[in-house]
Structure formats: C-alpha cells, structure tokens
C-alpha cells in the first residue's frame, strides 16, 4: 500500500517537473501593462488634453484624447448611469474568461498562448485606466488626408496583434507551414 502511494506521489512530482512554467503568460502581460501605463503617463505629462504633436507628417500624430467608451470609441459619446462601472465589469469578466481559456491551453500551443498573453496584457492595461480614471488615454492618431483611424494606445495595439495571432492560429497557419 505504501509503495502504491509513493508511486502516485512520484508520478505527480514527475508531471509537475515535466510541465515547464508558463512564463509567457506571466511576463508578457506584465511587460505590456508596464509599456502601456508608461506611455500613457508620458502623454499625460507632456501633451495637454486634445493637443497634438506630429510624429510622421501626413500620417501619424500623437493626440491626447480620452475614451470613456469601449473598443474603437464605441459608447464614447453615450452617457448612462454607472457607465464606467458597467464597462469595467464587462472588461473584467472578459479578462477572466480569456485568462481561463489561456490556462487551459497545452504548453505546446505556443502561438495561441502568445496571442492570448498579448490580449490579456492589453486588456489589463486599459482596465487599469478605466478603474483609476474612468476613461482610457488614447494617443496614436493615424490618418491619411482627412481620414482618421480611431486613436489608440499600446494596450489596443497588443490586443489587436493578439487577436490577429489567434486568428492565424485558428486558421492553422503554423501547421500549414510545417506540412510544406
């Protein structure tokens, strides 16, 4: 009986030893949050609200704006009771859901884990703004002539890149390359 128990414990220790730590899911979101919060603090400190500084003439400006809505300014111009709380709760629920999905992925699913780590870092960066200030600082203004894309930030970029990586992973892009 003691030998069976020892074998079960040893098997559990072997499984834990064979499972590499998930550093990607821990460190990459932390780096994204730090870069996001750092750039937003720099914009708040150096560029007055609604002011712009040209970065690439005719293409990119840094413009300090606040987004009290959701992605791409959705609900930005709409006011309703507890708007900030509602958006923060929805963002938190989404962040928890994505985190749970990321935790369920196998270690060898590196591409999916990378995409989800970017999404988690970006979502956490914007969530911090929503909870602390009630709105998100956006500042990258990409435009061509009079046509402007929505202003965005480092967190938004991480989310967008993470979603693109997830789509490529779902389409099997990494597996198709291995088959050729």
N, C-alpha and C. Protein backbone atom coordinates (compact mmCIF):
# COMPACT_ATOMS: atom_id res chain seq x y z
N UNK A 1 0.83 -1.19 0.00
CA UNK A 1 0.00 0.00 0.00
C UNK A 1 0.87 1.24 0.00
N UNK A 2 1.92 1.24 0.83
CA UNK A 2 2.81 2.40 0.88
C UNK A 2 3.50 2.60 -0.45
N UNK A 3 3.88 1.51 -1.11
CA UNK A 3 4.55 1.63 -2.41
C UNK A 3 3.62 2.26 -3.45
N UNK A 4 2.34 1.89 -3.43
CA UNK A 4 1.38 2.45 -4.39
C UNK A 4 1.24 3.96 -4.17
N UNK A 5 1.13 4.37 -2.91
CA UNK A 5 1.01 5.78 -2.59
C UNK A 5 2.27 6.53 -3.04
N UNK A 6 3.44 5.94 -2.79
CA UNK A 6 4.69 6.57 -3.21
C UNK A 6 4.75 6.71 -4.73
N UNK A 7 4.25 5.67 -5.45
CA UNK A 7 4.27 5.73 -6.91
C UNK A 7 3.35 6.83 -7.43
N UNK A 8 2.19 6.99 -6.80
CA UNK A 8 1.26 8.03 -7.21
C UNK A 8 1.87 9.41 -6.95
N UNK A 9 2.48 9.59 -5.78
CA UNK A 9 3.12 10.87 -5.45
C UNK A 9 4.27 11.13 -6.40
N UNK A 10 5.09 10.10 -6.68
CA UNK A 10 6.21 10.27 -7.61
C UNK A 10 5.72 10.64 -9.01
N UNK A 11 4.62 10.02 -9.45
CA UNK A 11 4.07 10.33 -10.77
C UNK A 11 3.61 11.79 -10.81
N UNK A 12 3.00 12.27 -9.74
CA UNK A 12 2.57 13.66 -9.66
C UNK A 12 3.76 14.61 -9.69
N UNK A 13 4.83 14.25 -8.97
CA UNK A 13 6.03 15.07 -8.98
C UNK A 13 6.65 15.11 -10.37
N UNK A 14 6.65 13.95 -11.06
CA UNK A 14 7.21 13.89 -12.42
C UNK A 14 6.40 14.77 -13.36
N UNK A 15 5.07 14.71 -13.25
CA UNK A 15 4.22 15.55 -14.11
C UNK A 15 4.51 17.03 -13.87
N UNK A 16 4.63 17.41 -12.61
CA UNK A 16 4.91 18.82 -12.29
C UNK A 16 6.29 19.22 -12.79
N UNK A 17 7.26 18.31 -12.69
CA UNK A 17 8.61 18.60 -13.15
C UNK A 17 8.67 18.68 -14.67
N UNK A 18 7.87 17.87 -15.37
CA UNK A 18 7.89 17.86 -16.83
C UNK A 18 7.14 19.05 -17.41
N UNK A 19 6.23 19.65 -16.67
CA UNK A 19 5.45 20.79 -17.15
C UNK A 19 6.28 22.05 -16.96
N UNK A 20 6.78 22.64 -18.04
CA UNK A 20 7.55 23.87 -17.88
C UNK A 20 6.67 25.00 -17.37
N UNK A 21 7.25 25.94 -16.64
CA UNK A 21 6.44 27.06 -16.14
C UNK A 21 5.92 27.90 -17.31
N UNK A 22 4.83 28.56 -17.09
CA UNK A 22 4.21 29.38 -18.14
C UNK A 22 4.66 30.83 -18.00
N UNK A 23 5.93 31.05 -18.24
CA UNK A 23 6.49 32.39 -18.10
C UNK A 23 5.87 33.36 -19.10
N UNK A 24 5.57 32.87 -20.28
CA UNK A 24 5.00 33.73 -21.32
C UNK A 24 3.71 34.39 -20.84
N UNK A 25 2.83 33.61 -20.22
CA UNK A 25 1.55 34.12 -19.77
C UNK A 25 1.67 35.05 -18.56
N UNK A 26 2.81 35.03 -17.90
CA UNK A 26 3.00 35.90 -16.74
C UNK A 26 3.76 37.17 -17.15
N UNK A 27 4.89 36.99 -17.79
CA UNK A 27 5.77 38.13 -18.06
C UNK A 27 5.31 39.00 -19.22
N UNK A 28 4.83 38.42 -20.30
CA UNK A 28 4.43 39.25 -21.44
C UNK A 28 3.30 40.21 -21.08
N UNK A 29 2.23 39.76 -20.41
CA UNK A 29 1.21 40.74 -20.00
C UNK A 29 1.77 41.83 -19.07
N UNK A 30 2.69 41.47 -18.19
CA UNK A 30 3.28 42.47 -17.29
C UNK A 30 4.09 43.51 -18.08
N UNK A 31 4.82 43.06 -19.10
CA UNK A 31 5.59 43.98 -19.95
C UNK A 31 4.64 44.89 -20.72
N UNK A 32 3.55 44.31 -21.25
CA UNK A 32 2.57 45.11 -21.99
C UNK A 32 1.94 46.16 -21.08
N UNK A 33 1.54 45.78 -19.88
CA UNK A 33 0.93 46.73 -18.94
C UNK A 33 1.92 47.83 -18.59
N UNK A 34 3.18 47.48 -18.33
CA UNK A 34 4.18 48.48 -17.98
C UNK A 34 4.41 49.45 -19.15
N UNK A 35 4.55 48.93 -20.36
CA UNK A 35 4.75 49.80 -21.53
C UNK A 35 3.53 50.68 -21.77
N UNK A 36 2.35 50.10 -21.63
CA UNK A 36 1.11 50.85 -21.83
C UNK A 36 0.97 51.97 -20.81
N UNK A 37 1.11 51.63 -19.55
CA UNK A 37 0.94 52.64 -18.50
C UNK A 37 2.06 53.69 -18.56
N UNK A 38 3.25 53.28 -18.92
CA UNK A 38 4.37 54.23 -19.06
C UNK A 38 4.14 55.22 -20.18
N UNK A 39 3.69 54.75 -21.34
CA UNK A 39 3.44 55.66 -22.46
C UNK A 39 2.26 56.59 -22.17
N UNK A 40 1.25 56.06 -21.51
CA UNK A 40 0.10 56.91 -21.16
C UNK A 40 0.51 57.99 -20.15
N UNK A 41 1.35 57.63 -19.18
CA UNK A 41 1.83 58.61 -18.20
C UNK A 41 2.66 59.69 -18.90
N UNK A 42 3.48 59.28 -19.86
CA UNK A 42 4.29 60.23 -20.62
C UNK A 42 3.40 61.19 -21.42
N UNK A 43 2.37 60.67 -22.05
CA UNK A 43 1.44 61.52 -22.80
C UNK A 43 0.73 62.48 -21.86
N UNK A 44 0.23 61.98 -20.72
CA UNK A 44 -0.46 62.86 -19.76
C UNK A 44 0.46 63.96 -19.26
N UNK A 45 1.75 63.65 -19.10
CA UNK A 45 2.70 64.61 -18.54
C UNK A 45 3.21 65.62 -19.57
N UNK A 46 3.22 65.25 -20.84
CA UNK A 46 3.86 66.11 -21.84
C UNK A 46 2.93 66.71 -22.88
N UNK A 47 1.72 66.20 -22.99
CA UNK A 47 0.83 66.66 -24.05
C UNK A 47 -0.54 66.99 -23.44
N UNK A 48 -0.90 68.26 -23.42
CA UNK A 48 -2.21 68.63 -22.86
C UNK A 48 -3.35 67.91 -23.59
N UNK A 49 -4.45 67.69 -22.87
CA UNK A 49 -5.62 67.03 -23.44
C UNK A 49 -6.06 67.73 -24.73
N UNK A 50 -6.33 66.95 -25.75
CA UNK A 50 -6.76 67.40 -27.08
C UNK A 50 -5.67 68.12 -27.87
N UNK A 51 -4.44 68.09 -27.41
CA UNK A 51 -3.33 68.66 -28.17
C UNK A 51 -2.68 67.56 -29.00
N UNK A 52 -1.98 67.98 -30.06
CA UNK A 52 -1.33 67.02 -30.96
C UNK A 52 0.13 67.39 -31.18
N UNK A 53 0.91 66.38 -31.47
CA UNK A 53 2.31 66.56 -31.87
C UNK A 53 2.54 65.64 -33.06
N UNK A 54 3.00 66.21 -34.16
CA UNK A 54 3.23 65.43 -35.37
C UNK A 54 4.43 64.51 -35.19
N UNK A 55 4.24 63.25 -35.55
CA UNK A 55 5.32 62.26 -35.49
C UNK A 55 5.81 61.95 -36.90
N UNK A 56 4.91 61.62 -37.79
CA UNK A 56 5.21 61.41 -39.21
C UNK A 56 4.24 62.31 -39.98
N UNK A 57 4.73 63.39 -40.56
CA UNK A 57 3.82 64.35 -41.23
C UNK A 57 2.91 63.67 -42.25
N UNK A 58 1.61 63.99 -42.15
CA UNK A 58 0.63 63.45 -43.07
C UNK A 58 0.23 62.02 -42.79
N UNK A 59 0.72 61.43 -41.67
CA UNK A 59 0.41 60.02 -41.39
C UNK A 59 0.13 59.73 -39.91
N UNK A 60 0.99 60.21 -39.01
CA UNK A 60 0.85 59.86 -37.58
C UNK A 60 1.10 61.08 -36.71
N UNK A 61 0.16 61.32 -35.82
CA UNK A 61 0.32 62.33 -34.76
C UNK A 61 0.12 61.63 -33.42
N UNK A 62 0.69 62.22 -32.38
CA UNK A 62 0.30 61.84 -31.03
C UNK A 62 -0.71 62.89 -30.61
N UNK A 63 -1.93 62.47 -30.32
CA UNK A 63 -3.01 63.36 -29.92
C UNK A 63 -3.60 62.82 -28.62
N UNK A 64 -3.55 63.62 -27.58
CA UNK A 64 -4.03 63.19 -26.26
C UNK A 64 -5.56 63.28 -26.21
N UNK A 65 -6.22 62.13 -26.21
CA UNK A 65 -7.68 62.07 -26.09
C UNK A 65 -8.06 61.04 -25.03
N UNK A 66 -9.28 61.17 -24.55
CA UNK A 66 -9.80 60.22 -23.56
C UNK A 66 -10.96 59.45 -24.17
N UNK A 67 -10.98 58.16 -23.92
CA UNK A 67 -12.05 57.30 -24.41
C UNK A 67 -12.79 56.74 -23.20
N UNK A 68 -14.00 57.23 -22.98
CA UNK A 68 -14.80 56.72 -21.86
C UNK A 68 -15.68 55.55 -22.29
N UNK A 69 -15.59 55.20 -23.57
CA UNK A 69 -16.38 54.10 -24.10
C UNK A 69 -15.58 52.81 -24.15
N UNK A 70 -16.00 51.96 -25.07
CA UNK A 70 -15.34 50.66 -25.22
C UNK A 70 -14.41 50.71 -26.44
N UNK A 71 -14.15 49.57 -27.04
CA UNK A 71 -13.23 49.47 -28.17
C UNK A 71 -13.67 50.38 -29.32
N UNK A 72 -12.69 51.00 -29.97
CA UNK A 72 -12.90 51.87 -31.12
C UNK A 72 -13.87 53.01 -30.81
N UNK A 73 -13.89 53.46 -29.56
CA UNK A 73 -14.75 54.57 -29.19
C UNK A 73 -16.23 54.23 -29.07
N UNK A 74 -16.57 52.94 -29.18
CA UNK A 74 -17.97 52.53 -29.05
C UNK A 74 -18.50 52.98 -27.69
N UNK A 75 -19.60 53.66 -27.67
CA UNK A 75 -20.25 54.22 -26.48
C UNK A 75 -19.51 55.42 -25.90
N UNK A 76 -18.52 55.95 -26.61
CA UNK A 76 -17.75 57.08 -26.08
C UNK A 76 -18.64 58.31 -25.89
N UNK A 77 -19.53 58.57 -26.81
CA UNK A 77 -20.38 59.75 -26.72
C UNK A 77 -21.68 59.51 -26.00
N UNK A 78 -21.88 58.33 -25.46
CA UNK A 78 -23.13 57.98 -24.79
C UNK A 78 -22.91 58.00 -23.28
N UNK A 79 -23.81 58.67 -22.56
CA UNK A 79 -23.72 58.67 -21.11
C UNK A 79 -24.93 57.95 -20.53
N UNK A 80 -24.68 57.12 -19.55
CA UNK A 80 -25.75 56.45 -18.82
C UNK A 80 -25.24 56.18 -17.41
N UNK A 81 -26.13 55.99 -16.45
CA UNK A 81 -25.70 55.78 -15.07
C UNK A 81 -24.74 54.59 -14.95
N UNK A 82 -23.69 54.79 -14.22
CA UNK A 82 -22.70 53.75 -13.91
C UNK A 82 -22.01 53.22 -15.17
N UNK A 83 -21.88 54.04 -16.19
CA UNK A 83 -21.25 53.62 -17.45
C UNK A 83 -19.85 53.04 -17.20
N UNK A 84 -19.04 53.76 -16.42
CA UNK A 84 -17.67 53.31 -16.15
C UNK A 84 -17.68 51.96 -15.45
N UNK A 85 -18.56 51.80 -14.50
CA UNK A 85 -18.64 50.54 -13.75
C UNK A 85 -19.08 49.40 -14.66
N UNK A 86 -20.09 49.65 -15.49
CA UNK A 86 -20.59 48.62 -16.40
C UNK A 86 -19.49 48.17 -17.36
N UNK A 87 -18.81 49.13 -17.96
CA UNK A 87 -17.74 48.78 -18.91
C UNK A 87 -16.60 48.06 -18.20
N UNK A 88 -16.24 48.52 -16.99
CA UNK A 88 -15.16 47.87 -16.23
C UNK A 88 -15.54 46.44 -15.84
N UNK A 89 -16.79 46.21 -15.45
CA UNK A 89 -17.23 44.86 -15.08
C UNK A 89 -17.21 43.94 -16.30
N UNK A 90 -17.68 44.44 -17.44
CA UNK A 90 -17.66 43.63 -18.66
C UNK A 90 -16.21 43.31 -19.06
N UNK A 91 -15.33 44.32 -18.97
CA UNK A 91 -13.92 44.11 -19.31
C UNK A 91 -13.27 43.11 -18.36
N UNK A 92 -13.61 43.20 -17.08
CA UNK A 92 -13.05 42.26 -16.09
C UNK A 92 -13.53 40.84 -16.38
N UNK A 93 -14.81 40.68 -16.67
CA UNK A 93 -15.35 39.35 -17.00
C UNK A 93 -14.67 38.78 -18.24
N UNK A 94 -14.48 39.62 -19.25
CA UNK A 94 -13.80 39.17 -20.47
C UNK A 94 -12.36 38.78 -20.18
N UNK A 95 -11.69 39.56 -19.36
CA UNK A 95 -10.30 39.28 -18.99
C UNK A 95 -10.20 37.96 -18.24
N UNK A 96 -11.12 37.71 -17.33
CA UNK A 96 -11.14 36.44 -16.60
C UNK A 96 -11.39 35.28 -17.55
N UNK A 97 -12.35 35.44 -18.47
CA UNK A 97 -12.64 34.39 -19.45
C UNK A 97 -11.45 34.07 -20.33
N UNK A 98 -10.78 35.10 -20.82
CA UNK A 98 -9.60 34.89 -21.67
C UNK A 98 -8.48 34.23 -20.85
N UNK A 99 -8.32 34.66 -19.62
CA UNK A 99 -7.31 34.05 -18.75
C UNK A 99 -7.58 32.58 -18.49
N UNK A 100 -8.84 32.24 -18.27
CA UNK A 100 -9.20 30.83 -18.04
C UNK A 100 -8.95 30.00 -19.29
N UNK A 101 -9.28 30.57 -20.44
CA UNK A 101 -9.01 29.86 -21.70
C UNK A 101 -7.51 29.68 -21.91
N UNK A 102 -6.74 30.72 -21.63
CA UNK A 102 -5.28 30.64 -21.79
C UNK A 102 -4.70 29.57 -20.87
N UNK A 103 -5.23 29.48 -19.65
CA UNK A 103 -4.73 28.48 -18.70
C UNK A 103 -5.05 27.06 -19.15
N UNK A 104 -6.09 26.90 -19.98
CA UNK A 104 -6.48 25.56 -20.42
C UNK A 104 -5.66 25.07 -21.61
N UNK A 105 -4.89 25.95 -22.24
CA UNK A 105 -4.14 25.56 -23.42
C UNK A 105 -2.94 24.68 -23.05
N UNK A 106 -2.64 23.77 -23.90
CA UNK A 106 -1.47 22.91 -23.70
C UNK A 106 -0.20 23.73 -23.90
N UNK A 107 0.86 23.31 -23.27
CA UNK A 107 2.12 24.04 -23.33
C UNK A 107 2.64 24.18 -24.76
N UNK A 108 2.40 23.18 -25.61
CA UNK A 108 2.92 23.22 -26.97
C UNK A 108 2.14 24.19 -27.88
N UNK A 109 1.02 24.73 -27.41
CA UNK A 109 0.23 25.67 -28.20
C UNK A 109 0.78 27.09 -28.04
N UNK A 110 2.02 27.24 -28.43
CA UNK A 110 2.76 28.48 -28.20
C UNK A 110 2.13 29.68 -28.91
N UNK A 111 1.70 29.51 -30.15
CA UNK A 111 1.14 30.63 -30.91
C UNK A 111 -0.14 31.15 -30.23
N UNK A 112 -1.03 30.25 -29.86
CA UNK A 112 -2.26 30.66 -29.18
C UNK A 112 -1.94 31.30 -27.83
N UNK A 113 -0.98 30.75 -27.10
CA UNK A 113 -0.61 31.30 -25.80
C UNK A 113 -0.02 32.71 -25.96
N UNK A 114 0.76 32.91 -27.01
CA UNK A 114 1.33 34.23 -27.28
C UNK A 114 0.21 35.24 -27.57
N UNK A 115 -0.72 34.87 -28.45
CA UNK A 115 -1.84 35.76 -28.77
C UNK A 115 -2.65 36.12 -27.55
N UNK A 116 -2.96 35.13 -26.73
CA UNK A 116 -3.76 35.39 -25.53
C UNK A 116 -3.00 36.22 -24.50
N UNK A 117 -1.69 36.02 -24.40
CA UNK A 117 -0.88 36.83 -23.47
C UNK A 117 -0.91 38.30 -23.88
N UNK A 118 -0.85 38.56 -25.20
CA UNK A 118 -0.94 39.94 -25.68
C UNK A 118 -2.31 40.54 -25.37
N UNK A 119 -3.36 39.76 -25.60
CA UNK A 119 -4.72 40.22 -25.32
C UNK A 119 -4.89 40.51 -23.83
N UNK A 120 -4.41 39.63 -22.99
CA UNK A 120 -4.53 39.81 -21.54
C UNK A 120 -3.78 41.06 -21.09
N UNK A 121 -2.57 41.25 -21.58
CA UNK A 121 -1.79 42.44 -21.21
C UNK A 121 -2.48 43.72 -21.64
N UNK A 122 -2.99 43.74 -22.86
CA UNK A 122 -3.68 44.93 -23.36
C UNK A 122 -4.96 45.21 -22.60
N UNK A 123 -5.73 44.17 -22.37
CA UNK A 123 -6.99 44.34 -21.64
C UNK A 123 -6.73 44.83 -20.21
N UNK A 124 -5.70 44.30 -19.59
CA UNK A 124 -5.36 44.73 -18.23
C UNK A 124 -4.90 46.19 -18.21
N UNK A 125 -4.11 46.59 -19.21
CA UNK A 125 -3.65 47.98 -19.28
C UNK A 125 -4.80 48.96 -19.39
N UNK A 126 -5.75 48.66 -20.26
CA UNK A 126 -6.91 49.55 -20.41
C UNK A 126 -7.84 49.48 -19.20
N UNK A 127 -7.95 48.31 -18.59
CA UNK A 127 -8.80 48.17 -17.41
C UNK A 127 -8.27 49.04 -16.26
N UNK A 128 -6.97 49.11 -16.12
CA UNK A 128 -6.38 49.95 -15.08
C UNK A 128 -6.84 51.40 -15.27
N UNK A 129 -6.78 51.90 -16.50
CA UNK A 129 -7.24 53.27 -16.77
C UNK A 129 -8.71 53.44 -16.41
N UNK A 130 -9.53 52.49 -16.80
CA UNK A 130 -10.97 52.60 -16.54
C UNK A 130 -11.26 52.65 -15.05
N UNK A 131 -10.58 51.81 -14.29
CA UNK A 131 -10.83 51.74 -12.85
C UNK A 131 -10.28 52.98 -12.15
N UNK A 132 -9.07 53.41 -12.53
CA UNK A 132 -8.43 54.54 -11.85
C UNK A 132 -9.00 55.89 -12.29
N UNK A 133 -9.21 56.07 -13.61
CA UNK A 133 -9.58 57.39 -14.11
C UNK A 133 -10.97 57.45 -14.75
N UNK A 134 -11.60 56.32 -14.99
CA UNK A 134 -12.92 56.33 -15.61
C UNK A 134 -12.89 56.40 -17.12
N UNK A 135 -11.71 56.55 -17.69
CA UNK A 135 -11.56 56.58 -19.14
C UNK A 135 -10.14 56.13 -19.51
N UNK A 136 -9.96 55.83 -20.78
CA UNK A 136 -8.67 55.33 -21.27
C UNK A 136 -7.99 56.43 -22.06
N UNK A 137 -6.69 56.60 -21.83
CA UNK A 137 -5.90 57.55 -22.61
C UNK A 137 -5.54 56.91 -23.94
N UNK A 138 -5.95 57.54 -25.03
CA UNK A 138 -5.56 57.12 -26.37
C UNK A 138 -4.72 58.24 -26.95
N UNK A 139 -3.74 57.91 -27.79
CA UNK A 139 -2.88 58.98 -28.29
C UNK A 139 -2.29 58.76 -29.67
N UNK A 140 -2.29 57.57 -30.21
CA UNK A 140 -1.74 57.35 -31.54
C UNK A 140 -2.85 57.65 -32.55
N UNK A 141 -2.64 58.69 -33.34
CA UNK A 141 -3.63 59.15 -34.31
C UNK A 141 -3.05 58.90 -35.71
N UNK A 142 -3.54 57.87 -36.38
CA UNK A 142 -3.09 57.53 -37.72
C UNK A 142 -4.13 58.07 -38.71
N UNK A 143 -3.65 58.75 -39.74
CA UNK A 143 -4.57 59.38 -40.68
C UNK A 143 -3.95 59.47 -42.07
N UNK A 144 -4.80 59.68 -43.05
CA UNK A 144 -4.39 59.92 -44.43
C UNK A 144 -5.30 61.02 -44.96
N UNK A 145 -4.74 62.17 -45.20
CA UNK A 145 -5.57 63.31 -45.60
C UNK A 145 -6.51 63.68 -44.47
N UNK A 146 -7.80 63.66 -44.77
CA UNK A 146 -8.80 63.98 -43.75
C UNK A 146 -9.38 62.73 -43.09
N UNK A 147 -8.93 61.56 -43.49
CA UNK A 147 -9.46 60.30 -42.96
C UNK A 147 -8.61 59.82 -41.78
N UNK A 148 -9.22 59.81 -40.59
CA UNK A 148 -8.53 59.39 -39.38
C UNK A 148 -9.04 58.02 -38.92
N UNK A 149 -8.11 57.17 -38.52
CA UNK A 149 -8.45 55.93 -37.85
C UNK A 149 -8.75 56.31 -36.40
N UNK A 150 -9.36 55.43 -35.63
CA UNK A 150 -9.59 55.72 -34.22
C UNK A 150 -8.25 55.87 -33.51
N UNK A 151 -8.16 56.80 -32.59
CA UNK A 151 -6.94 56.93 -31.79
C UNK A 151 -6.80 55.68 -30.92
N UNK A 152 -5.57 55.26 -30.72
CA UNK A 152 -5.34 54.04 -29.94
C UNK A 152 -4.10 54.19 -29.09
N UNK A 153 -3.74 53.14 -28.35
CA UNK A 153 -2.59 53.17 -27.45
C UNK A 153 -1.86 51.82 -27.50
N UNK A 154 -0.88 51.64 -26.65
CA UNK A 154 -0.09 50.41 -26.63
C UNK A 154 -0.98 49.20 -26.30
N UNK A 155 -1.88 49.36 -25.34
CA UNK A 155 -2.77 48.25 -24.96
C UNK A 155 -3.64 47.83 -26.13
N UNK A 156 -4.21 48.81 -26.84
CA UNK A 156 -5.04 48.50 -28.01
C UNK A 156 -4.23 47.76 -29.07
N UNK A 157 -2.99 48.20 -29.27
CA UNK A 157 -2.11 47.53 -30.24
C UNK A 157 -1.86 46.08 -29.85
N UNK A 158 -1.59 45.85 -28.57
CA UNK A 158 -1.34 44.49 -28.10
C UNK A 158 -2.57 43.61 -28.31
N UNK A 159 -3.75 44.15 -28.00
CA UNK A 159 -4.99 43.40 -28.20
C UNK A 159 -5.18 43.06 -29.68
N UNK A 160 -4.99 44.04 -30.54
CA UNK A 160 -5.18 43.83 -31.98
C UNK A 160 -4.20 42.80 -32.53
N UNK A 161 -2.94 42.90 -32.14
CA UNK A 161 -1.94 41.92 -32.59
C UNK A 161 -2.27 40.55 -32.03
N UNK A 162 -2.68 40.49 -30.77
CA UNK A 162 -3.05 39.21 -30.15
C UNK A 162 -4.22 38.56 -30.86
N UNK A 163 -5.24 39.34 -31.23
CA UNK A 163 -6.39 38.80 -31.96
C UNK A 163 -5.95 38.29 -33.33
N UNK A 164 -5.09 39.05 -34.02
CA UNK A 164 -4.60 38.61 -35.33
C UNK A 164 -3.83 37.29 -35.21
N UNK A 165 -3.02 37.17 -34.18
CA UNK A 165 -2.28 35.92 -33.94
C UNK A 165 -3.24 34.77 -33.67
N UNK A 166 -4.28 35.04 -32.88
CA UNK A 166 -5.27 33.99 -32.58
C UNK A 166 -5.99 33.55 -33.86
N UNK A 167 -6.33 34.49 -34.72
CA UNK A 167 -7.00 34.14 -35.98
C UNK A 167 -6.07 33.29 -36.83
N UNK A 168 -4.81 33.67 -36.93
CA UNK A 168 -3.84 32.88 -37.70
C UNK A 168 -3.70 31.48 -37.11
N UNK A 169 -3.69 31.41 -35.77
CA UNK A 169 -3.59 30.10 -35.13
C UNK A 169 -4.82 29.24 -35.43
N UNK A 170 -6.01 29.84 -35.39
CA UNK A 170 -7.24 29.09 -35.68
C UNK A 170 -7.27 28.62 -37.13
N UNK A 171 -6.68 29.42 -38.02
CA UNK A 171 -6.62 29.03 -39.44
C UNK A 171 -5.54 27.99 -39.70
N UNK A 172 -4.72 27.73 -38.68
CA UNK A 172 -3.70 26.70 -38.81
C UNK A 172 -2.49 27.14 -39.61
N UNK A 173 -2.18 28.42 -39.59
CA UNK A 173 -1.07 28.94 -40.38
C UNK A 173 0.24 28.26 -39.98
N UNK A 174 0.51 28.09 -38.69
CA UNK A 174 1.77 27.47 -38.28
C UNK A 174 1.83 26.00 -38.67
N UNK A 175 0.69 25.32 -38.69
CA UNK A 175 0.68 23.90 -39.06
C UNK A 175 0.83 23.72 -40.57
N UNK A 176 0.28 24.64 -41.34
CA UNK A 176 0.38 24.55 -42.81
C UNK A 176 1.82 24.70 -43.24
N UNK A 177 2.56 25.58 -42.59
CA UNK A 177 3.97 25.77 -42.92
C UNK A 177 4.78 24.52 -42.65
N UNK A 178 4.41 23.79 -41.61
CA UNK A 178 5.12 22.55 -41.25
C UNK A 178 4.81 21.44 -42.25
N UNK A 179 3.65 21.49 -42.88
CA UNK A 179 3.27 20.44 -43.83
C UNK A 179 3.99 20.59 -45.17
N UNK A 180 4.41 21.79 -45.53
CA UNK A 180 5.02 22.03 -46.84
C UNK A 180 6.39 21.45 -46.96
